[in-house]
């Protein structure tokens, strides 16, 4: 989120992308790295 103002969050973009490429497997990495809350 450091480069372009208004870019969508990755957690919001992920489901549609996973559906588009036929997969629902991801490494969840949020604002602070892969921590427990991001996994949840």
ModelCIF file with pLDDT and N, C-alpha, C, O atoms, coordinates in Angstrom:
data_MODEL
#
_entry.id   MODEL 
#
_entity.id                         1 
_entity.type                       polymer 
_entity.pdbx_number_of_molecules   1 
#
_entity_poly.entity_id                      1 
_entity_poly.type                           'polypeptide(L)' 
_entity_poly.nstd_linkage                   no 
_entity_poly.nstd_monomer                   no 
_entity_poly.pdbx_seq_one_letter_code       
;(UNK)(UNK)(UNK)(UNK)(UNK)(UNK)(UNK)(UNK)(UNK)(UNK)(UNK)(UNK)(UNK)(UNK)(UNK)(UNK)
(UNK)(UNK)(UNK)(UNK)(UNK)(UNK)(UNK)(UNK)(UNK)(UNK)(UNK)(UNK)(UNK)(UNK)(UNK)(UNK)
(UNK)(UNK)(UNK)(UNK)(UNK)(UNK)(UNK)(UNK)
;
_entity_poly.pdbx_seq_one_letter_code_can   XXXXXXXXXXXXXXXXXXXXXXXXXXXXXXXXXXXXXXXX 
_entity_poly.pdbx_strand_id                 A 
#
loop_
_entity_poly_seq.entity_id 
_entity_poly_seq.num 
_entity_poly_seq.mon_id 
_entity_poly_seq.hetero 
1 1  UNK n 
1 2  UNK n 
1 3  UNK n 
1 4  UNK n 
1 5  UNK n 
1 6  UNK n 
1 7  UNK n 
1 8  UNK n 
1 9  UNK n 
1 10 UNK n 
1 11 UNK n 
1 12 UNK n 
1 13 UNK n 
1 14 UNK n 
1 15 UNK n 
1 16 UNK n 
1 17 UNK n 
1 18 UNK n 
1 19 UNK n 
1 20 UNK n 
1 21 UNK n 
1 22 UNK n 
1 23 UNK n 
1 24 UNK n 
1 25 UNK n 
1 26 UNK n 
1 27 UNK n 
1 28 UNK n 
1 29 UNK n 
1 30 UNK n 
1 31 UNK n 
1 32 UNK n 
1 33 UNK n 
1 34 UNK n 
1 35 UNK n 
1 36 UNK n 
1 37 UNK n 
1 38 UNK n 
1 39 UNK n 
1 40 UNK n 
#
_struct_asym.id          A 
_struct_asym.entity_id   1 
#
loop_
_ma_qa_metric.id 
_ma_qa_metric.mode 
_ma_qa_metric.name 
_ma_qa_metric.software_group_id 
_ma_qa_metric.type 
1 global pLDDT . pLDDT 
2 local  pLDDT . pLDDT 
#
_ma_qa_metric_global.metric_id      1 
_ma_qa_metric_global.metric_value   68.75 
_ma_qa_metric_global.model_id       1 
_ma_qa_metric_global.ordinal_id     1 
#
loop_
_ma_qa_metric_local.label_asym_id 
_ma_qa_metric_local.label_comp_id 
_ma_qa_metric_local.label_seq_id 
_ma_qa_metric_local.metric_id 
_ma_qa_metric_local.metric_value 
_ma_qa_metric_local.model_id 
_ma_qa_metric_local.ordinal_id 
A UNK 1  2 69.00 1 1  
A UNK 2  2 67.00 1 2  
A UNK 3  2 66.00 1 3  
A UNK 4  2 66.00 1 4  
A UNK 5  2 67.00 1 5  
A UNK 6  2 73.00 1 6  
A UNK 7  2 78.00 1 7  
A UNK 8  2 82.00 1 8  
A UNK 9  2 81.00 1 9  
A UNK 10 2 82.00 1 10 
A UNK 11 2 80.00 1 11 
A UNK 12 2 83.00 1 12 
A UNK 13 2 86.00 1 13 
A UNK 14 2 84.00 1 14 
A UNK 15 2 84.00 1 15 
A UNK 16 2 89.00 1 16 
A UNK 17 2 89.00 1 17 
A UNK 18 2 86.00 1 18 
A UNK 19 2 87.00 1 19 
A UNK 20 2 90.00 1 20 
A UNK 21 2 88.00 1 21 
A UNK 22 2 80.00 1 22 
A UNK 23 2 67.00 1 23 
A UNK 24 2 47.00 1 24 
A UNK 25 2 46.00 1 25 
A UNK 26 2 46.00 1 26 
A UNK 27 2 47.00 1 27 
A UNK 28 2 46.00 1 28 
A UNK 29 2 50.00 1 29 
A UNK 30 2 50.00 1 30 
A UNK 31 2 50.00 1 31 
A UNK 32 2 51.00 1 32 
A UNK 33 2 50.00 1 33 
A UNK 34 2 51.00 1 34 
A UNK 35 2 55.00 1 35 
A UNK 36 2 62.00 1 36 
A UNK 37 2 68.00 1 37 
A UNK 38 2 66.00 1 38 
A UNK 39 2 68.00 1 39 
A UNK 40 2 73.00 1 40 
#
loop_
_atom_site.group_PDB 
_atom_site.id 
_atom_site.type_symbol 
_atom_site.label_atom_id 
_atom_site.label_alt_id 
_atom_site.label_comp_id 
_atom_site.label_asym_id 
_atom_site.label_entity_id 
_atom_site.label_seq_id 
_atom_site.pdbx_PDB_ins_code 
_atom_site.Cartn_x 
_atom_site.Cartn_y 
_atom_site.Cartn_z 
_atom_site.occupancy 
_atom_site.B_iso_or_equiv 
_atom_site.pdbx_formal_charge 
_atom_site.auth_seq_id 
_atom_site.auth_comp_id 
_atom_site.auth_asym_id 
_atom_site.auth_atom_id 
_atom_site.pdbx_PDB_model_num 
ATOM 1   N N  . UNK A 1 1  ? 0.801   -1.215  0.000   1.00 69.00 ? 1  UNK A N  1 
ATOM 2   C CA . UNK A 1 1  ? 0.000   0.000   0.000   1.00 69.00 ? 1  UNK A CA 1 
ATOM 3   C C  . UNK A 1 1  ? 0.837   1.270   0.000   1.00 69.00 ? 1  UNK A C  1 
ATOM 4   O O  . UNK A 1 1  ? 0.314   2.351   0.272   1.00 69.00 ? 1  UNK A O  1 
ATOM 5   N N  . UNK A 1 2  ? 2.142   1.158   -0.304  1.00 67.00 ? 2  UNK A N  1 
ATOM 6   C CA . UNK A 1 2  ? 3.028   2.319   -0.191  1.00 67.00 ? 2  UNK A CA 1 
ATOM 7   C C  . UNK A 1 2  ? 3.215   3.050   -1.504  1.00 67.00 ? 2  UNK A C  1 
ATOM 8   O O  . UNK A 1 2  ? 3.799   4.133   -1.522  1.00 67.00 ? 2  UNK A O  1 
ATOM 9   N N  . UNK A 1 3  ? 2.734   2.487   -2.608  1.00 66.00 ? 3  UNK A N  1 
ATOM 10  C CA . UNK A 1 3  ? 3.071   3.052   -3.906  1.00 66.00 ? 3  UNK A CA 1 
ATOM 11  C C  . UNK A 1 3  ? 1.946   3.874   -4.531  1.00 66.00 ? 3  UNK A C  1 
ATOM 12  O O  . UNK A 1 3  ? 2.185   4.971   -5.036  1.00 66.00 ? 3  UNK A O  1 
ATOM 13  N N  . UNK A 1 4  ? 0.728   3.351   -4.499  1.00 66.00 ? 4  UNK A N  1 
ATOM 14  C CA . UNK A 1 4  ? -0.366  4.018   -5.196  1.00 66.00 ? 4  UNK A CA 1 
ATOM 15  C C  . UNK A 1 4  ? -1.505  4.264   -4.219  1.00 66.00 ? 4  UNK A C  1 
ATOM 16  O O  . UNK A 1 4  ? -1.996  3.327   -3.590  1.00 66.00 ? 4  UNK A O  1 
ATOM 17  N N  . UNK A 1 5  ? -1.929  5.519   -4.085  1.00 67.00 ? 5  UNK A N  1 
ATOM 18  C CA . UNK A 1 5  ? -3.071  5.831   -3.228  1.00 67.00 ? 5  UNK A CA 1 
ATOM 19  C C  . UNK A 1 5  ? -4.324  5.159   -3.781  1.00 67.00 ? 5  UNK A C  1 
ATOM 20  O O  . UNK A 1 5  ? -4.567  5.171   -4.988  1.00 67.00 ? 5  UNK A O  1 
ATOM 21  N N  . UNK A 1 6  ? -5.109  4.578   -2.890  1.00 73.00 ? 6  UNK A N  1 
ATOM 22  C CA . UNK A 1 6  ? -6.388  4.015   -3.299  1.00 73.00 ? 6  UNK A CA 1 
ATOM 23  C C  . UNK A 1 6  ? -6.312  2.623   -3.885  1.00 73.00 ? 6  UNK A C  1 
ATOM 24  O O  . UNK A 1 6  ? -7.320  2.128   -4.388  1.00 73.00 ? 6  UNK A O  1 
ATOM 25  N N  . UNK A 1 7  ? -5.162  1.966   -3.844  1.00 78.00 ? 7  UNK A N  1 
ATOM 26  C CA . UNK A 1 7  ? -5.079  0.602   -4.343  1.00 78.00 ? 7  UNK A CA 1 
ATOM 27  C C  . UNK A 1 7  ? -5.902  -0.307  -3.445  1.00 78.00 ? 7  UNK A C  1 
ATOM 28  O O  . UNK A 1 7  ? -5.935  -0.107  -2.230  1.00 78.00 ? 7  UNK A O  1 
ATOM 29  N N  . UNK A 1 8  ? -6.575  -1.313  -4.025  1.00 82.00 ? 8  UNK A N  1 
ATOM 30  C CA . UNK A 1 8  ? -7.373  -2.210  -3.184  1.00 82.00 ? 8  UNK A CA 1 
ATOM 31  C C  . UNK A 1 8  ? -6.491  -3.033  -2.253  1.00 82.00 ? 8  UNK A C  1 
ATOM 32  O O  . UNK A 1 8  ? -5.328  -3.300  -2.555  1.00 82.00 ? 8  UNK A O  1 
ATOM 33  N N  . UNK A 1 9  ? -7.059  -3.432  -1.119  1.00 81.00 ? 9  UNK A N  1 
ATOM 34  C CA . UNK A 1 9  ? -6.310  -4.290  -0.204  1.00 81.00 ? 9  UNK A CA 1 
ATOM 35  C C  . UNK A 1 9  ? -6.170  -5.672  -0.817  1.00 81.00 ? 9  UNK A C  1 
ATOM 36  O O  . UNK A 1 9  ? -7.022  -6.110  -1.589  1.00 81.00 ? 9  UNK A O  1 
ATOM 37  N N  . UNK A 1 10 ? -5.092  -6.353  -0.468  1.00 82.00 ? 10 UNK A N  1 
ATOM 38  C CA . UNK A 1 10 ? -4.851  -7.675  -1.046  1.00 82.00 ? 10 UNK A CA 1 
ATOM 39  C C  . UNK A 1 10 ? -5.880  -8.690  -0.554  1.00 82.00 ? 10 UNK A C  1 
ATOM 40  O O  . UNK A 1 10 ? -6.290  -9.560  -1.321  1.00 82.00 ? 10 UNK A O  1 
ATOM 41  N N  . UNK A 1 11 ? -6.302  -8.600  0.697   1.00 80.00 ? 11 UNK A N  1 
ATOM 42  C CA . UNK A 1 11 ? -7.268  -9.562  1.220   1.00 80.00 ? 11 UNK A CA 1 
ATOM 43  C C  . UNK A 1 11 ? -8.608  -9.424  0.517   1.00 80.00 ? 11 UNK A C  1 
ATOM 44  O O  . UNK A 1 11 ? -9.345  -10.401 0.391   1.00 80.00 ? 11 UNK A O  1 
ATOM 45  N N  . UNK A 1 12 ? -8.935  -8.200  0.051   1.00 83.00 ? 12 UNK A N  1 
ATOM 46  C CA . UNK A 1 12 ? -10.188 -7.993  -0.688  1.00 83.00 ? 12 UNK A CA 1 
ATOM 47  C C  . UNK A 1 12 ? -10.054 -8.467  -2.143  1.00 83.00 ? 12 UNK A C  1 
ATOM 48  O O  . UNK A 1 12 ? -11.020 -8.957  -2.729  1.00 83.00 ? 12 UNK A O  1 
ATOM 49  N N  . UNK A 1 13 ? -8.863  -8.321  -2.717  1.00 86.00 ? 13 UNK A N  1 
ATOM 50  C CA . UNK A 1 13 ? -8.663  -8.708  -4.116  1.00 86.00 ? 13 UNK A CA 1 
ATOM 51  C C  . UNK A 1 13 ? -8.478  -10.213 -4.274  1.00 86.00 ? 13 UNK A C  1 
ATOM 52  O O  . UNK A 1 13 ? -8.765  -10.766 -5.336  1.00 86.00 ? 13 UNK A O  1 
ATOM 53  N N  . UNK A 1 14 ? -8.006  -10.868 -3.239  1.00 84.00 ? 14 UNK A N  1 
ATOM 54  C CA . UNK A 1 14 ? -7.606  -12.272 -3.339  1.00 84.00 ? 14 UNK A CA 1 
ATOM 55  C C  . UNK A 1 14 ? -8.706  -13.235 -3.774  1.00 84.00 ? 14 UNK A C  1 
ATOM 56  O O  . UNK A 1 14 ? -8.450  -14.037 -4.673  1.00 84.00 ? 14 UNK A O  1 
ATOM 57  N N  . UNK A 1 15 ? -9.924  -13.217 -3.199  1.00 84.00 ? 15 UNK A N  1 
ATOM 58  C CA . UNK A 1 15 ? -10.921 -14.217 -3.584  1.00 84.00 ? 15 UNK A CA 1 
ATOM 59  C C  . UNK A 1 15 ? -11.264 -14.205 -5.073  1.00 84.00 ? 15 UNK A C  1 
ATOM 60  O O  . UNK A 1 15 ? -11.344 -15.269 -5.688  1.00 84.00 ? 15 UNK A O  1 
ATOM 61  N N  . UNK A 1 16 ? -11.467 -13.028 -5.667  1.00 89.00 ? 16 UNK A N  1 
ATOM 62  C CA . UNK A 1 16 ? -11.822 -12.955 -7.086  1.00 89.00 ? 16 UNK A CA 1 
ATOM 63  C C  . UNK A 1 16 ? -10.675 -13.451 -7.961  1.00 89.00 ? 16 UNK A C  1 
ATOM 64  O O  . UNK A 1 16 ? -10.908 -14.080 -8.994  1.00 89.00 ? 16 UNK A O  1 
ATOM 65  N N  . UNK A 1 17 ? -9.448  -13.173 -7.554  1.00 89.00 ? 17 UNK A N  1 
ATOM 66  C CA . UNK A 1 17 ? -8.293  -13.639 -8.330  1.00 89.00 ? 17 UNK A CA 1 
ATOM 67  C C  . UNK A 1 17 ? -8.165  -15.148 -8.222  1.00 89.00 ? 17 UNK A C  1 
ATOM 68  O O  . UNK A 1 17 ? -7.904  -15.825 -9.217  1.00 89.00 ? 17 UNK A O  1 
ATOM 69  N N  . UNK A 1 18 ? -8.348  -15.681 -7.012  1.00 86.00 ? 18 UNK A N  1 
ATOM 70  C CA . UNK A 1 18 ? -8.281  -17.138 -6.838  1.00 86.00 ? 18 UNK A CA 1 
ATOM 71  C C  . UNK A 1 18 ? -9.344  -17.824 -7.688  1.00 86.00 ? 18 UNK A C  1 
ATOM 72  O O  . UNK A 1 18 ? -9.076  -18.855 -8.304  1.00 86.00 ? 18 UNK A O  1 
ATOM 73  N N  . UNK A 1 19 ? -10.552 -17.256 -7.724  1.00 87.00 ? 19 UNK A N  1 
ATOM 74  C CA . UNK A 1 19 ? -11.613 -17.824 -8.562  1.00 87.00 ? 19 UNK A CA 1 
ATOM 75  C C  . UNK A 1 19 ? -11.239 -17.748 -10.036 1.00 87.00 ? 19 UNK A C  1 
ATOM 76  O O  . UNK A 1 19 ? -11.507 -18.681 -10.793 1.00 87.00 ? 19 UNK A O  1 
ATOM 77  N N  . UNK A 1 20 ? -10.624 -16.645 -10.448 1.00 90.00 ? 20 UNK A N  1 
ATOM 78  C CA . UNK A 1 20 ? -10.295 -16.443 -11.865 1.00 90.00 ? 20 UNK A CA 1 
ATOM 79  C C  . UNK A 1 20 ? -9.277  -17.454 -12.371 1.00 90.00 ? 20 UNK A C  1 
ATOM 80  O O  . UNK A 1 20 ? -9.315  -17.847 -13.536 1.00 90.00 ? 20 UNK A O  1 
ATOM 81  N N  . UNK A 1 21 ? -8.370  -17.874 -11.499 1.00 88.00 ? 21 UNK A N  1 
ATOM 82  C CA . UNK A 1 21 ? -7.320  -18.804 -11.942 1.00 88.00 ? 21 UNK A CA 1 
ATOM 83  C C  . UNK A 1 21 ? -7.571  -20.228 -11.448 1.00 88.00 ? 21 UNK A C  1 
ATOM 84  O O  . UNK A 1 21 ? -6.712  -21.101 -11.575 1.00 88.00 ? 21 UNK A O  1 
ATOM 85  N N  . UNK A 1 22 ? -8.772  -20.453 -10.878 1.00 80.00 ? 22 UNK A N  1 
ATOM 86  C CA . UNK A 1 22 ? -9.146  -21.812 -10.516 1.00 80.00 ? 22 UNK A CA 1 
ATOM 87  C C  . UNK A 1 22 ? -8.470  -22.347 -9.277  1.00 80.00 ? 22 UNK A C  1 
ATOM 88  O O  . UNK A 1 22 ? -8.345  -23.562 -9.123  1.00 80.00 ? 22 UNK A O  1 
ATOM 89  N N  . UNK A 1 23 ? -8.024  -21.464 -8.379  1.00 67.00 ? 23 UNK A N  1 
ATOM 90  C CA . UNK A 1 23 ? -7.391  -21.936 -7.160  1.00 67.00 ? 23 UNK A CA 1 
ATOM 91  C C  . UNK A 1 23 ? -7.871  -21.153 -5.971  1.00 67.00 ? 23 UNK A C  1 
ATOM 92  O O  . UNK A 1 23 ? -8.255  -19.991 -6.102  1.00 67.00 ? 23 UNK A O  1 
ATOM 93  N N  . UNK A 1 24 ? -7.856  -21.775 -4.806  1.00 47.00 ? 24 UNK A N  1 
ATOM 94  C CA . UNK A 1 24 ? -8.243  -21.078 -3.583  1.00 47.00 ? 24 UNK A CA 1 
ATOM 95  C C  . UNK A 1 24 ? -7.215  -21.369 -2.507  1.00 47.00 ? 24 UNK A C  1 
ATOM 96  O O  . UNK A 1 24 ? -7.551  -21.752 -1.386  1.00 47.00 ? 24 UNK A O  1 
ATOM 97  N N  . UNK A 1 25 ? -5.967  -21.182 -2.866  1.00 46.00 ? 25 UNK A N  1 
ATOM 98  C CA . UNK A 1 25 ? -4.848  -21.471 -1.966  1.00 46.00 ? 25 UNK A CA 1 
ATOM 99  C C  . UNK A 1 25 ? -3.950  -20.245 -1.964  1.00 46.00 ? 25 UNK A C  1 
ATOM 100 O O  . UNK A 1 25 ? -3.542  -19.766 -3.022  1.00 46.00 ? 25 UNK A O  1 
ATOM 101 N N  . UNK A 1 26 ? -3.639  -19.733 -0.766  1.00 46.00 ? 26 UNK A N  1 
ATOM 102 C CA . UNK A 1 26 ? -2.867  -18.492 -0.730  1.00 46.00 ? 26 UNK A CA 1 
ATOM 103 C C  . UNK A 1 26 ? -2.058  -18.404 0.538   1.00 46.00 ? 26 UNK A C  1 
ATOM 104 O O  . UNK A 1 26 ? -2.410  -18.987 1.563   1.00 46.00 ? 26 UNK A O  1 
ATOM 105 N N  . UNK A 1 27 ? -0.965  -17.662 0.456   1.00 47.00 ? 27 UNK A N  1 
ATOM 106 C CA . UNK A 1 27 ? -0.223  -17.261 1.643   1.00 47.00 ? 27 UNK A CA 1 
ATOM 107 C C  . UNK A 1 27 ? -0.781  -15.914 2.084   1.00 47.00 ? 27 UNK A C  1 
ATOM 108 O O  . UNK A 1 27 ? -0.529  -14.911 1.416   1.00 47.00 ? 27 UNK A O  1 
ATOM 109 N N  . UNK A 1 28 ? -1.523  -15.852 3.173   1.00 46.00 ? 28 UNK A N  1 
ATOM 110 C CA . UNK A 1 28 ? -2.109  -14.567 3.574   1.00 46.00 ? 28 UNK A CA 1 
ATOM 111 C C  . UNK A 1 28 ? -1.058  -13.663 4.204   1.00 46.00 ? 28 UNK A C  1 
ATOM 112 O O  . UNK A 1 28 ? -0.527  -13.969 5.271   1.00 46.00 ? 28 UNK A O  1 
ATOM 113 N N  . UNK A 1 29 ? -0.770  -12.581 3.559   1.00 50.00 ? 29 UNK A N  1 
ATOM 114 C CA . UNK A 1 29 ? 0.167   -11.598 4.099   1.00 50.00 ? 29 UNK A CA 1 
ATOM 115 C C  . UNK A 1 29 ? -0.559  -10.265 4.142   1.00 50.00 ? 29 UNK A C  1 
ATOM 116 O O  . UNK A 1 29 ? -0.998  -9.759  3.109   1.00 50.00 ? 29 UNK A O  1 
ATOM 117 N N  . UNK A 1 30 ? -0.686  -9.703  5.318   1.00 50.00 ? 30 UNK A N  1 
ATOM 118 C CA . UNK A 1 30 ? -1.419  -8.457  5.478   1.00 50.00 ? 30 UNK A CA 1 
ATOM 119 C C  . UNK A 1 30 ? -0.491  -7.286  5.688   1.00 50.00 ? 30 UNK A C  1 
ATOM 120 O O  . UNK A 1 30 ? 0.633   -7.280  5.186   1.00 50.00 ? 30 UNK A O  1 
ATOM 121 N N  . UNK A 1 31 ? -0.948  -6.299  6.422   1.00 50.00 ? 31 UNK A N  1 
ATOM 122 C CA . UNK A 1 31 ? -0.198  -5.063  6.602   1.00 50.00 ? 31 UNK A CA 1 
ATOM 123 C C  . UNK A 1 31 ? 1.080   -5.277  7.396   1.00 50.00 ? 31 UNK A C  1 
ATOM 124 O O  . UNK A 1 31 ? 2.042   -4.528  7.225   1.00 50.00 ? 31 UNK A O  1 
ATOM 125 N N  . UNK A 1 32 ? 1.109   -6.282  8.260   1.00 51.00 ? 32 UNK A N  1 
ATOM 126 C CA . UNK A 1 32 ? 2.267   -6.469  9.128   1.00 51.00 ? 32 UNK A CA 1 
ATOM 127 C C  . UNK A 1 32 ? 2.979   -7.780  8.866   1.00 51.00 ? 32 UNK A C  1 
ATOM 128 O O  . UNK A 1 32 ? 3.714   -8.256  9.731   1.00 51.00 ? 32 UNK A O  1 
ATOM 129 N N  . UNK A 1 33 ? 2.787   -8.376  7.703   1.00 50.00 ? 33 UNK A N  1 
ATOM 130 C CA . UNK A 1 33 ? 3.385   -9.676  7.444   1.00 50.00 ? 33 UNK A CA 1 
ATOM 131 C C  . UNK A 1 33 ? 2.400   -10.781 7.809   1.00 50.00 ? 33 UNK A C  1 
ATOM 132 O O  . UNK A 1 33 ? 1.276   -10.511 8.231   1.00 50.00 ? 33 UNK A O  1 
ATOM 133 N N  . UNK A 1 34 ? 2.831   -12.019 7.644   1.00 51.00 ? 34 UNK A N  1 
ATOM 134 C CA . UNK A 1 34 ? 1.948   -13.151 7.885   1.00 51.00 ? 34 UNK A CA 1 
ATOM 135 C C  . UNK A 1 34 ? 1.858   -13.415 9.381   1.00 51.00 ? 34 UNK A C  1 
ATOM 136 O O  . UNK A 1 34 ? 2.641   -14.190 9.931   1.00 51.00 ? 34 UNK A O  1 
ATOM 137 N N  . UNK A 1 35 ? 0.906   -12.774 10.030  1.00 55.00 ? 35 UNK A N  1 
ATOM 138 C CA . UNK A 1 35 ? 0.699   -12.953 11.461  1.00 55.00 ? 35 UNK A CA 1 
ATOM 139 C C  . UNK A 1 35 ? -0.668  -13.586 11.681  1.00 55.00 ? 35 UNK A C  1 
ATOM 140 O O  . UNK A 1 35 ? -1.462  -13.707 10.748  1.00 55.00 ? 35 UNK A O  1 
ATOM 141 N N  . UNK A 1 36 ? -0.940  -13.992 12.929  1.00 62.00 ? 36 UNK A N  1 
ATOM 142 C CA . UNK A 1 36 ? -2.151  -14.729 13.224  1.00 62.00 ? 36 UNK A CA 1 
ATOM 143 C C  . UNK A 1 36 ? -3.422  -14.084 12.720  1.00 62.00 ? 36 UNK A C  1 
ATOM 144 O O  . UNK A 1 36 ? -4.266  -14.765 12.137  1.00 62.00 ? 36 UNK A O  1 
ATOM 145 N N  . UNK A 1 37 ? -3.582  -12.778 12.930  1.00 68.00 ? 37 UNK A N  1 
ATOM 146 C CA . UNK A 1 37 ? -4.801  -12.106 12.509  1.00 68.00 ? 37 UNK A CA 1 
ATOM 147 C C  . UNK A 1 37 ? -4.984  -12.173 11.001  1.00 68.00 ? 37 UNK A C  1 
ATOM 148 O O  . UNK A 1 37 ? -6.106  -12.306 10.514  1.00 68.00 ? 37 UNK A O  1 
ATOM 149 N N  . UNK A 1 38 ? -3.883  -12.081 10.261  1.00 66.00 ? 38 UNK A N  1 
ATOM 150 C CA . UNK A 1 38 ? -3.983  -12.161 8.802   1.00 66.00 ? 38 UNK A CA 1 
ATOM 151 C C  . UNK A 1 38 ? -4.426  -13.553 8.358   1.00 66.00 ? 38 UNK A C  1 
ATOM 152 O O  . UNK A 1 38 ? -5.167  -13.695 7.385   1.00 66.00 ? 38 UNK A O  1 
ATOM 153 N N  . UNK A 1 39 ? -3.970  -14.577 9.075   1.00 68.00 ? 39 UNK A N  1 
ATOM 154 C CA . UNK A 1 39 ? -4.412  -15.940 8.769   1.00 68.00 ? 39 UNK A CA 1 
ATOM 155 C C  . UNK A 1 39 ? -5.914  -16.063 9.007   1.00 68.00 ? 39 UNK A C  1 
ATOM 156 O O  . UNK A 1 39 ? -6.631  -16.654 8.200   1.00 68.00 ? 39 UNK A O  1 
ATOM 157 N N  . UNK A 1 40 ? -6.390  -15.496 10.132  1.00 73.00 ? 40 UNK A N  1 
ATOM 158 C CA . UNK A 1 40 ? -7.822  -15.535 10.435  1.00 73.00 ? 40 UNK A CA 1 
ATOM 159 C C  . UNK A 1 40 ? -8.621  -14.819 9.346   1.00 73.00 ? 40 UNK A C  1 
ATOM 160 O O  . UNK A 1 40 ? -9.847  -14.747 9.426   1.00 73.00 ? 40 UNK A O  1 
#
